[in-house]
Amino acid sequence: MTLGPGKIALLTGLLWFAALGSAAGAIYAKHRARELFVELEKLNTNRDNLEIEWGQLQLEQSAWSSHAFVEQVAITRLHMATPPAREIQVVRP
């Protein structure tokens, strides 16, 4: 089977456009992969920052519930005081 000059030119043109389309697709895929990688790194950084903040909140919560802190708030804000031992009465059923 012989190909005429018109068919060879057509096939050459088709191969040229196929190669060009393939190259454009590869470039787009690489660009998109880089964009997604940058987005993933931002999300990882955000996750790490949130984990740090969560740890700080847990430490703060444990500090707020400590006996010394509760006693300090009772004395300074609520003006409470521990009664002297002679004023303490123990009531038993």
PDB file of N, CA and C in Angstrom:
ATOM      1  N   MET A   1       0.846  -1.172   0.000  1.00  0.00           N
ATOM      2  CA  MET A   1       0.000   0.000   0.000  1.00  0.00           C
ATOM      3  C   MET A   1       0.894   1.238   0.000  1.00  0.00           C
ATOM      4  N   THR A   2       0.690   2.056  -0.942  1.00  0.00           N
ATOM      5  CA  THR A   2       1.482   3.275  -1.055  1.00  0.00           C
ATOM      6  C   THR A   2       0.636   4.460  -0.640  1.00  0.00           C
ATOM      7  N   LEU A   3       1.325   5.398  -0.018  1.00  0.00           N
ATOM      8  CA  LEU A   3       0.645   6.611   0.414  1.00  0.00           C
ATOM      9  C   LEU A   3       1.029   7.747  -0.515  1.00  0.00           C
ATOM     10  N   GLY A   4       0.038   8.477  -0.863  1.00  0.00           N
ATOM     11  CA  GLY A   4       0.294   9.623  -1.732  1.00  0.00           C
ATOM     12  C   GLY A   4       0.829  10.791  -0.913  1.00  0.00           C
ATOM     13  N   PRO A   5       1.343  11.822  -1.583  1.00  0.00           N
ATOM     14  CA  PRO A   5       1.895  12.983  -0.897  1.00  0.00           C
ATOM     15  C   PRO A   5       0.871  13.671   0.013  1.00  0.00           C
ATOM     16  N   GLY A   6      -0.391  13.658  -0.351  1.00  0.00           N
ATOM     17  CA  GLY A   6      -1.429  14.298   0.463  1.00  0.00           C
ATOM     18  C   GLY A   6      -1.645  13.551   1.774  1.00  0.00           C
ATOM     19  N   LYS A   7      -1.635  12.214   1.686  1.00  0.00           N
ATOM     20  CA  LYS A   7      -1.840  11.411   2.895  1.00  0.00           C
ATOM     21  C   LYS A   7      -0.636  11.501   3.828  1.00  0.00           C
ATOM     22  N   ILE A   8       0.546  11.554   3.271  1.00  0.00           N
ATOM     23  CA  ILE A   8       1.749  11.679   4.097  1.00  0.00           C
ATOM     24  C   ILE A   8       1.747  13.029   4.813  1.00  0.00           C
ATOM     25  N   ALA A   9       1.363  14.061   4.118  1.00  0.00           N
ATOM     26  CA  ALA A   9       1.293  15.388   4.724  1.00  0.00           C
ATOM     27  C   ALA A   9       0.234  15.399   5.829  1.00  0.00           C
ATOM     28  N   LEU A  10      -0.889  14.748   5.594  1.00  0.00           N
ATOM     29  CA  LEU A  10      -1.950  14.675   6.595  1.00  0.00           C
ATOM     30  C   LEU A  10      -1.484  13.899   7.824  1.00  0.00           C
ATOM     31  N   LEU A  11      -0.853  12.769   7.626  1.00  0.00           N
ATOM     32  CA  LEU A  11      -0.345  11.972   8.743  1.00  0.00           C
ATOM     33  C   LEU A  11       0.746  12.712   9.500  1.00  0.00           C
ATOM     34  N   THR A  12       1.607  13.403   8.782  1.00  0.00           N
ATOM     35  CA  THR A  12       2.658  14.188   9.432  1.00  0.00           C
ATOM     36  C   THR A  12       2.035  15.294  10.281  1.00  0.00           C
ATOM     37  N   GLY A  13       1.035  15.953   9.749  1.00  0.00           N
ATOM     38  CA  GLY A  13       0.329  17.003  10.500  1.00  0.00           C
ATOM     39  C   GLY A  13      -0.345  16.439  11.736  1.00  0.00           C
ATOM     40  N   LEU A  14      -1.001  15.272  11.590  1.00  0.00           N
ATOM     41  CA  LEU A  14      -1.654  14.635  12.738  1.00  0.00           C
ATOM     42  C   LEU A  14      -0.636  14.233  13.805  1.00  0.00           C
ATOM     43  N   LEU A  15       0.472  13.678  13.381  1.00  0.00           N
ATOM     44  CA  LEU A  15       1.521  13.310  14.342  1.00  0.00           C
ATOM     45  C   LEU A  15       2.083  14.545  15.030  1.00  0.00           C
ATOM     46  N   TRP A  16       2.235  15.626  14.263  1.00  0.00           N
ATOM     47  CA  TRP A  16       2.744  16.882  14.837  1.00  0.00           C
ATOM     48  C   TRP A  16       1.783  17.412  15.904  1.00  0.00           C
ATOM     49  N   PHE A  17       0.500  17.432  15.616  1.00  0.00           N
ATOM     50  CA  PHE A  17      -0.475  17.914  16.597  1.00  0.00           C
ATOM     51  C   PHE A  17      -0.597  16.967  17.788  1.00  0.00           C
ATOM     52  N   ALA A  18      -0.473  15.675  17.549  1.00  0.00           N
ATOM     53  CA  ALA A  18      -0.515  14.713  18.657  1.00  0.00           C
ATOM     54  C   ALA A  18       0.684  14.924  19.586  1.00  0.00           C
ATOM     55  N   ALA A  19       1.865  15.129  19.001  1.00  0.00           N
ATOM     56  CA  ALA A  19       3.059  15.367  19.826  1.00  0.00           C
ATOM     57  C   ALA A  19       2.932  16.694  20.573  1.00  0.00           C
ATOM     58  N   LEU A  20       2.425  17.714  19.913  1.00  0.00           N
ATOM     59  CA  LEU A  20       2.240  19.021  20.547  1.00  0.00           C
ATOM     60  C   LEU A  20       1.215  18.934  21.682  1.00  0.00           C
ATOM     61  N   GLY A  21       0.113  18.235  21.434  1.00  0.00           N
ATOM     62  CA  GLY A  21      -0.912  18.053  22.474  1.00  0.00           C
ATOM     63  C   GLY A  21      -0.384  17.260  23.656  1.00  0.00           C
ATOM     64  N   SER A  22       0.416  16.240  23.362  1.00  0.00           N
ATOM     65  CA  SER A  22       1.008  15.437  24.431  1.00  0.00           C
ATOM     66  C   SER A  22       1.967  16.274  25.276  1.00  0.00           C
ATOM     67  N   ALA A  23       2.769  17.101  24.630  1.00  0.00           N
ATOM     68  CA  ALA A  23       3.706  17.966  25.362  1.00  0.00           C
ATOM     69  C   ALA A  23       2.947  18.975  26.213  1.00  0.00           C
ATOM     70  N   ALA A  24       1.890  19.559  25.645  1.00  0.00           N
ATOM     71  CA  ALA A  24       1.085  20.524  26.414  1.00  0.00           C
ATOM     72  C   ALA A  24       0.425  19.835  27.608  1.00  0.00           C
ATOM     73  N   GLY A  25      -0.066  18.632  27.401  1.00  0.00           N
ATOM     74  CA  GLY A  25      -0.677  17.879  28.510  1.00  0.00           C
ATOM     75  C   GLY A  25       0.329  17.568  29.602  1.00  0.00           C
ATOM     76  N   ALA A  26       1.547  17.203  29.220  1.00  0.00           N
ATOM     77  CA  ALA A  26       2.582  16.912  30.214  1.00  0.00           C
ATOM     78  C   ALA A  26       2.959  18.163  30.998  1.00  0.00           C
ATOM     79  N   ILE A  27       3.055  19.281  30.320  1.00  0.00           N
ATOM     80  CA  ILE A  27       3.389  20.552  30.994  1.00  0.00           C
ATOM     81  C   ILE A  27       2.276  20.935  31.963  1.00  0.00           C
ATOM     82  N   TYR A  28       1.018  20.800  31.522  1.00  0.00           N
ATOM     83  CA  TYR A  28      -0.108  21.136  32.394  1.00  0.00           C
ATOM     84  C   TYR A  28      -0.135  20.211  33.609  1.00  0.00           C
ATOM     85  N   ALA A  29       0.094  18.925  33.400  1.00  0.00           N
ATOM     86  CA  ALA A  29       0.069  17.972  34.510  1.00  0.00           C
ATOM     87  C   ALA A  29       1.166  18.290  35.522  1.00  0.00           C
ATOM     88  N   LYS A  30       2.345  18.653  35.051  1.00  0.00           N
ATOM     89  CA  LYS A  30       3.442  19.002  35.956  1.00  0.00           C
ATOM     90  C   LYS A  30       3.120  20.283  36.724  1.00  0.00           C
ATOM     91  N   HIS A  31       2.563  21.268  36.038  1.00  0.00           N
ATOM     92  CA  HIS A  31       2.184  22.524  36.688  1.00  0.00           C
ATOM     93  C   HIS A  31       1.121  22.275  37.752  1.00  0.00           C
ATOM     94  N   ARG A  32       0.118  21.473  37.421  1.00  0.00           N
ATOM     95  CA  ARG A  32      -0.962  21.170  38.370  1.00  0.00           C
ATOM     96  C   ARG A  32      -0.416  20.401  39.570  1.00  0.00           C
ATOM     97  N   ALA A  33       0.505  19.482  39.334  1.00  0.00           N
ATOM     98  CA  ALA A  33       1.109  18.720  40.437  1.00  0.00           C
ATOM     99  C   ALA A  33       1.865  19.654  41.381  1.00  0.00           C
ATOM    100  N   ARG A  34       2.560  20.637  40.827  1.00  0.00           N
ATOM    101  CA  ARG A  34       3.272  21.609  41.671  1.00  0.00           C
ATOM    102  C   ARG A  34       2.299  22.452  42.481  1.00  0.00           C
ATOM    103  N   GLU A  35       1.205  22.890  41.845  1.00  0.00           N
ATOM    104  CA  GLU A  35       0.190  23.656  42.576  1.00  0.00           C
ATOM    105  C   GLU A  35      -0.383  22.839  43.731  1.00  0.00           C
ATOM    106  N   LEU A  36      -0.698  21.584  43.461  1.00  0.00           N
ATOM    107  CA  LEU A  36      -1.261  20.723  44.503  1.00  0.00           C
ATOM    108  C   LEU A  36      -0.250  20.462  45.614  1.00  0.00           C
ATOM    109  N   PHE A  37       1.025  20.350  45.269  1.00  0.00           N
ATOM    110  CA  PHE A  37       2.048  20.143  46.284  1.00  0.00           C
ATOM    111  C   PHE A  37       2.162  21.365  47.191  1.00  0.00           C
ATOM    112  N   VAL A  38       2.127  22.558  46.605  1.00  0.00           N
ATOM    113  CA  VAL A  38       2.184  23.790  47.402  1.00  0.00           C
ATOM    114  C   VAL A  38       0.977  23.862  48.330  1.00  0.00           C
ATOM    115  N   GLU A  39      -0.200  23.524  47.809  1.00  0.00           N
ATOM    116  CA  GLU A  39      -1.412  23.528  48.638  1.00  0.00           C
ATOM    117  C   GLU A  39      -1.301  22.508  49.776  1.00  0.00           C
ATOM    118  N   LEU A  40      -0.752  21.337  49.478  1.00  0.00           N
ATOM    119  CA  LEU A  40      -0.566  20.316  50.509  1.00  0.00           C
ATOM    120  C   LEU A  40       0.388  20.794  51.595  1.00  0.00           C
ATOM    121  N   GLU A  41       1.452  21.452  51.206  1.00  0.00           N
ATOM    122  CA  GLU A  41       2.407  21.969  52.191  1.00  0.00           C
ATOM    123  C   GLU A  41       1.759  23.036  53.067  1.00  0.00           C
ATOM    124  N   LYS A  42       0.909  23.884  52.484  1.00  0.00           N
ATOM    125  CA  LYS A  42       0.201  24.889  53.279  1.00  0.00           C
ATOM    126  C   LYS A  42      -0.731  24.217  54.275  1.00  0.00           C
ATOM    127  N   LEU A  43      -1.424  23.188  53.825  1.00  0.00           N
ATOM    128  CA  LEU A  43      -2.326  22.464  54.722  1.00  0.00           C
ATOM    129  C   LEU A  43      -1.555  21.769  55.838  1.00  0.00           C
ATOM    130  N   ASN A  44      -0.400  21.208  55.518  1.00  0.00           N
ATOM    131  CA  ASN A  44       0.425  20.571  56.549  1.00  0.00           C
ATOM    132  C   ASN A  44       0.915  21.589  57.571  1.00  0.00           C
ATOM    133  N   THR A  45       1.309  22.760  57.103  1.00  0.00           N
ATOM    134  CA  THR A  45       1.746  23.823  58.011  1.00  0.00           C
ATOM    135  C   THR A  45       0.595  24.262  58.906  1.00  0.00           C
ATOM    136  N   ASN A  46      -0.578  24.418  58.307  1.00  0.00           N
ATOM    137  CA  ASN A  46      -1.761  24.793  59.079  1.00  0.00           C
ATOM    138  C   ASN A  46      -2.085  23.730  60.122  1.00  0.00           C
ATOM    139  N   ARG A  47      -2.002  22.455  59.736  1.00  0.00           N
ATOM    140  CA  ARG A  47      -2.249  21.358  60.676  1.00  0.00           C
ATOM    141  C   ARG A  47      -1.255  21.395  61.829  1.00  0.00           C
ATOM    142  N   ASP A  48       0.009  21.612  61.518  1.00  0.00           N
ATOM    143  CA  ASP A  48       1.032  21.671  62.564  1.00  0.00           C
ATOM    144  C   ASP A  48       0.768  22.826  63.522  1.00  0.00           C
ATOM    145  N   ASN A  49       0.392  23.986  62.981  1.00  0.00           N
ATOM    146  CA  ASN A  49       0.083  25.133  63.838  1.00  0.00           C
ATOM    147  C   ASN A  49      -1.125  24.863  64.722  1.00  0.00           C
ATOM    148  N   LEU A  50      -2.132  24.184  64.169  1.00  0.00           N
ATOM    149  CA  LEU A  50      -3.310  23.853  64.967  1.00  0.00           C
ATOM    150  C   LEU A  50      -2.974  22.841  66.065  1.00  0.00           C
ATOM    151  N   GLU A  51      -2.091  21.905  65.780  1.00  0.00           N
ATOM    152  CA  GLU A  51      -1.674  20.940  66.803  1.00  0.00           C
ATOM    153  C   GLU A  51      -0.918  21.644  67.926  1.00  0.00           C
ATOM    154  N   ILE A  52      -0.080  22.611  67.576  1.00  0.00           N
ATOM    155  CA  ILE A  52       0.644  23.381  68.595  1.00  0.00           C
ATOM    156  C   ILE A  52      -0.347  24.158  69.446  1.00  0.00           C
ATOM    157  N   GLU A  53      -1.311  24.808  68.793  1.00  0.00           N
ATOM    158  CA  GLU A  53      -2.315  25.581  69.538  1.00  0.00           C
ATOM    159  C   GLU A  53      -3.144  24.664  70.439  1.00  0.00           C
ATOM    160  N   TRP A  54      -3.482  23.478  69.960  1.00  0.00           N
ATOM    161  CA  TRP A  54      -4.240  22.523  70.760  1.00  0.00           C
ATOM    162  C   TRP A  54      -3.450  22.123  72.010  1.00  0.00           C
ATOM    163  N   GLY A  55      -2.171  21.868  71.848  1.00  0.00           N
ATOM    164  CA  GLY A  55      -1.332  21.532  72.995  1.00  0.00           C
ATOM    165  C   GLY A  55      -1.265  22.677  73.995  1.00  0.00           C
ATOM    166  N   GLN A  56      -1.161  23.897  73.494  1.00  0.00           N
ATOM    167  CA  GLN A  56      -1.126  25.061  74.386  1.00  0.00           C
ATOM    168  C   GLN A  56      -2.448  25.217  75.126  1.00  0.00           C
ATOM    169  N   LEU A  57      -3.564  24.963  74.447  1.00  0.00           N
ATOM    170  CA  LEU A  57      -4.862  25.055  75.101  1.00  0.00           C
ATOM    171  C   LEU A  57      -5.017  23.983  76.179  1.00  0.00           C
ATOM    172  N   GLN A  58      -4.487  22.796  75.923  1.00  0.00           N
ATOM    173  CA  GLN A  58      -4.551  21.744  76.939  1.00  0.00           C
ATOM    174  C   GLN A  58      -3.723  22.122  78.161  1.00  0.00           C
ATOM    175  N   LEU A  59      -2.548  22.699  77.930  1.00  0.00           N
ATOM    176  CA  LEU A  59      -1.729  23.156  79.058  1.00  0.00           C
ATOM    177  C   LEU A  59      -2.435  24.263  79.833  1.00  0.00           C
ATOM    178  N   GLU A  60      -3.045  25.178  79.107  1.00  0.00           N
ATOM    179  CA  GLU A  60      -3.760  26.280  79.762  1.00  0.00           C
ATOM    180  C   GLU A  60      -4.932  25.749  80.577  1.00  0.00           C
ATOM    181  N   GLN A  61      -5.642  24.786  80.022  1.00  0.00           N
ATOM    182  CA  GLN A  61      -6.776  24.216  80.746  1.00  0.00           C
ATOM    183  C   GLN A  61      -6.313  23.520  82.021  1.00  0.00           C
ATOM    184  N   SER A  62      -5.214  22.807  81.942  1.00  0.00           N
ATOM    185  CA  SER A  62      -4.718  22.134  83.149  1.00  0.00           C
ATOM    186  C   SER A  62      -4.241  23.154  84.178  1.00  0.00           C
ATOM    187  N   ALA A  63      -3.701  24.284  83.720  1.00  0.00           N
ATOM    188  CA  ALA A  63      -3.261  25.325  84.648  1.00  0.00           C
ATOM    189  C   ALA A  63      -4.470  25.983  85.324  1.00  0.00           C
ATOM    190  N   TRP A  64      -5.553  26.180  84.566  1.00  0.00           N
ATOM    191  CA  TRP A  64      -6.745  26.817  85.125  1.00  0.00           C
ATOM    192  C   TRP A  64      -7.406  25.947  86.181  1.00  0.00           C
ATOM    193  N   SER A  65      -7.253  24.659  86.071  1.00  0.00           N
ATOM    194  CA  SER A  65      -7.923  23.777  87.030  1.00  0.00           C
ATOM    195  C   SER A  65      -7.010  23.350  88.179  1.00  0.00           C
ATOM    196  N   SER A  66      -5.802  23.883  88.247  1.00  0.00           N
ATOM    197  CA  SER A  66      -4.907  23.495  89.332  1.00  0.00           C
ATOM    198  C   SER A  66      -5.376  24.117  90.643  1.00  0.00           C
ATOM    199  N   HIS A  67      -5.072  23.465  91.732  1.00  0.00           N
ATOM    200  CA  HIS A  67      -5.513  23.908  93.056  1.00  0.00           C
ATOM    201  C   HIS A  67      -4.987  25.311  93.362  1.00  0.00           C
ATOM    202  N   ALA A  68      -3.746  25.572  93.050  1.00  0.00           N
ATOM    203  CA  ALA A  68      -3.149  26.878  93.358  1.00  0.00           C
ATOM    204  C   ALA A  68      -3.865  27.993  92.599  1.00  0.00           C
ATOM    205  N   PHE A  69      -4.224  27.756  91.349  1.00  0.00           N
ATOM    206  CA  PHE A  69      -4.903  28.788  90.572  1.00  0.00           C
ATOM    207  C   PHE A  69      -6.300  29.050  91.119  1.00  0.00           C
ATOM    208  N   VAL A  70      -7.031  27.981  91.442  1.00  0.00           N
ATOM    209  CA  VAL A  70      -8.379  28.140  91.995  1.00  0.00           C
ATOM    210  C   VAL A  70      -8.319  28.890  93.320  1.00  0.00           C
ATOM    211  N   GLU A  71      -7.336  28.565  94.142  1.00  0.00           N
ATOM    212  CA  GLU A  71      -7.195  29.250  95.425  1.00  0.00           C
ATOM    213  C   GLU A  71      -6.873  30.735  95.215  1.00  0.00           C
ATOM    214  N   GLN A  72      -6.016  31.030  94.251  1.00  0.00           N
ATOM    215  CA  GLN A  72      -5.656  32.422  93.980  1.00  0.00           C
ATOM    216  C   GLN A  72      -6.884  33.208  93.507  1.00  0.00           C
ATOM    217  N   VAL A  73      -7.685  32.638  92.634  1.00  0.00           N
ATOM    218  CA  VAL A  73      -8.892  33.315  92.152  1.00  0.00           C
ATOM    219  C   VAL A  73      -9.873  33.520  93.297  1.00  0.00           C
ATOM    220  N   ALA A  74     -10.008  32.524  94.163  1.00  0.00           N
ATOM    221  CA  ALA A  74     -10.918  32.650  95.305  1.00  0.00           C
ATOM    222  C   ALA A  74     -10.488  33.785  96.226  1.00  0.00           C
ATOM    223  N   ILE A  75      -9.211  33.954  96.415  1.00  0.00           N
ATOM    224  CA  ILE A  75      -8.720  35.006  97.307  1.00  0.00           C
ATOM    225  C   ILE A  75      -8.813  36.378  96.652  1.00  0.00           C
ATOM    226  N   THR A  76      -8.337  36.498  95.399  1.00  0.00           N
ATOM    227  CA  THR A  76      -8.254  37.827  94.770  1.00  0.00           C
ATOM    228  C   THR A  76      -9.589  38.312  94.224  1.00  0.00           C
ATOM    229  N   ARG A  77     -10.322  37.494  93.519  1.00  0.00           N
ATOM    230  CA  ARG A  77     -11.546  37.952  92.878  1.00  0.00           C
ATOM    231  C   ARG A  77     -12.785  37.806  93.766  1.00  0.00           C
ATOM    232  N   LEU A  78     -12.825  36.729  94.516  1.00  0.00           N
ATOM    233  CA  LEU A  78     -14.016  36.468  95.318  1.00  0.00           C
ATOM    234  C   LEU A  78     -13.848  36.908  96.777  1.00  0.00           C
ATOM    235  N   HIS A  79     -12.654  37.371  97.116  1.00  0.00           N
ATOM    236  CA  HIS A  79     -12.343  37.845  98.473  1.00  0.00           C
ATOM    237  C   HIS A  79     -12.667  36.791  99.530  1.00  0.00           C
ATOM    238  N   MET A  80     -12.336  35.562  99.227  1.00  0.00           N
ATOM    239  CA  MET A  80     -12.545  34.458 100.167  1.00  0.00           C
ATOM    240  C   MET A  80     -11.267  34.257 100.968  1.00  0.00           C
ATOM    241  N   ALA A  81     -11.421  33.709 102.147  1.00  0.00           N
ATOM    242  CA  ALA A  81     -10.259  33.435 102.994  1.00  0.00           C
ATOM    243  C   ALA A  81     -10.501  32.133 103.732  1.00  0.00           C
ATOM    244  N   THR A  82      -9.430  31.449 104.029  1.00  0.00           N
ATOM    245  CA  THR A  82      -9.527  30.227 104.810  1.00  0.00           C
ATOM    246  C   THR A  82      -9.775  30.628 106.270  1.00  0.00           C
ATOM    247  N   PRO A  83     -10.803  30.048 106.881  1.00  0.00           N
ATOM    248  CA  PRO A  83     -11.075  30.423 108.276  1.00  0.00           C
ATOM    249  C   PRO A  83      -9.995  29.872 109.205  1.00  0.00           C
ATOM    250  N   PRO A  84      -9.790  30.537 110.336  1.00  0.00           N
ATOM    251  CA  PRO A  84      -8.829  30.016 111.311  1.00  0.00           C
ATOM    252  C   PRO A  84      -9.312  28.675 111.846  1.00  0.00           C
ATOM    253  N   ALA A  85      -8.387  27.878 112.324  1.00  0.00           N
ATOM    254  CA  ALA A  85      -8.704  26.525 112.782  1.00  0.00           C
ATOM    255  C   ALA A  85      -9.733  26.537 113.901  1.00  0.00           C
ATOM    256  N   ARG A  86      -9.713  27.535 114.780  1.00  0.00           N
ATOM    257  CA  ARG A  86     -10.648  27.565 115.912  1.00  0.00           C
ATOM    258  C   ARG A  86     -12.083  27.807 115.472  1.00  0.00           C
ATOM    259  N   GLU A  87     -12.288  28.361 114.253  1.00  0.00           N
ATOM    260  CA  GLU A  87     -13.633  28.632 113.774  1.00  0.00           C
ATOM    261  C   GLU A  87     -14.209  27.480 112.938  1.00  0.00           C
ATOM    262  N   ILE A  88     -13.424  26.456 112.690  1.00  0.00           N
ATOM    263  CA  ILE A  88     -13.882  25.332 111.871  1.00  0.00           C
ATOM    264  C   ILE A  88     -14.626  24.341 112.764  1.00  0.00           C
ATOM    265  N   GLN A  89     -15.816  23.966 112.368  1.00  0.00           N
ATOM    266  CA  GLN A  89     -16.600  22.974 113.109  1.00  0.00           C
ATOM    267  C   GLN A  89     -16.865  21.787 112.179  1.00  0.00           C
ATOM    268  N   VAL A  90     -16.643  20.613 112.696  1.00  0.00           N
ATOM    269  CA  VAL A  90     -16.868  19.395 111.939  1.00  0.00           C
ATOM    270  C   VAL A  90     -18.231  18.860 112.368  1.00  0.00           C
ATOM    271  N   VAL A  91     -19.102  18.644 111.412  1.00  0.00           N
ATOM    272  CA  VAL A  91     -20.449  18.150 111.703  1.00  0.00           C
ATOM    273  C   VAL A  91     -20.527  16.714 111.202  1.00  0.00           C
ATOM    274  N   ARG A  92     -20.927  15.823 112.113  1.00  0.00           N
ATOM    275  CA  ARG A  92     -21.053  14.408 111.750  1.00  0.00           C
ATOM    276  C   ARG A  92     -22.522  14.008 111.861  1.00  0.00           C
ATOM    277  N   PRO A  93     -22.980  13.147 110.994  1.00  0.00           N
ATOM    278  CA  PRO A  93     -24.381  12.719 111.062  1.00  0.00           C
ATOM    279  C   PRO A  93     -24.644  11.824 112.268  1.00  0.00           C
TER     280      PRO A  93
END
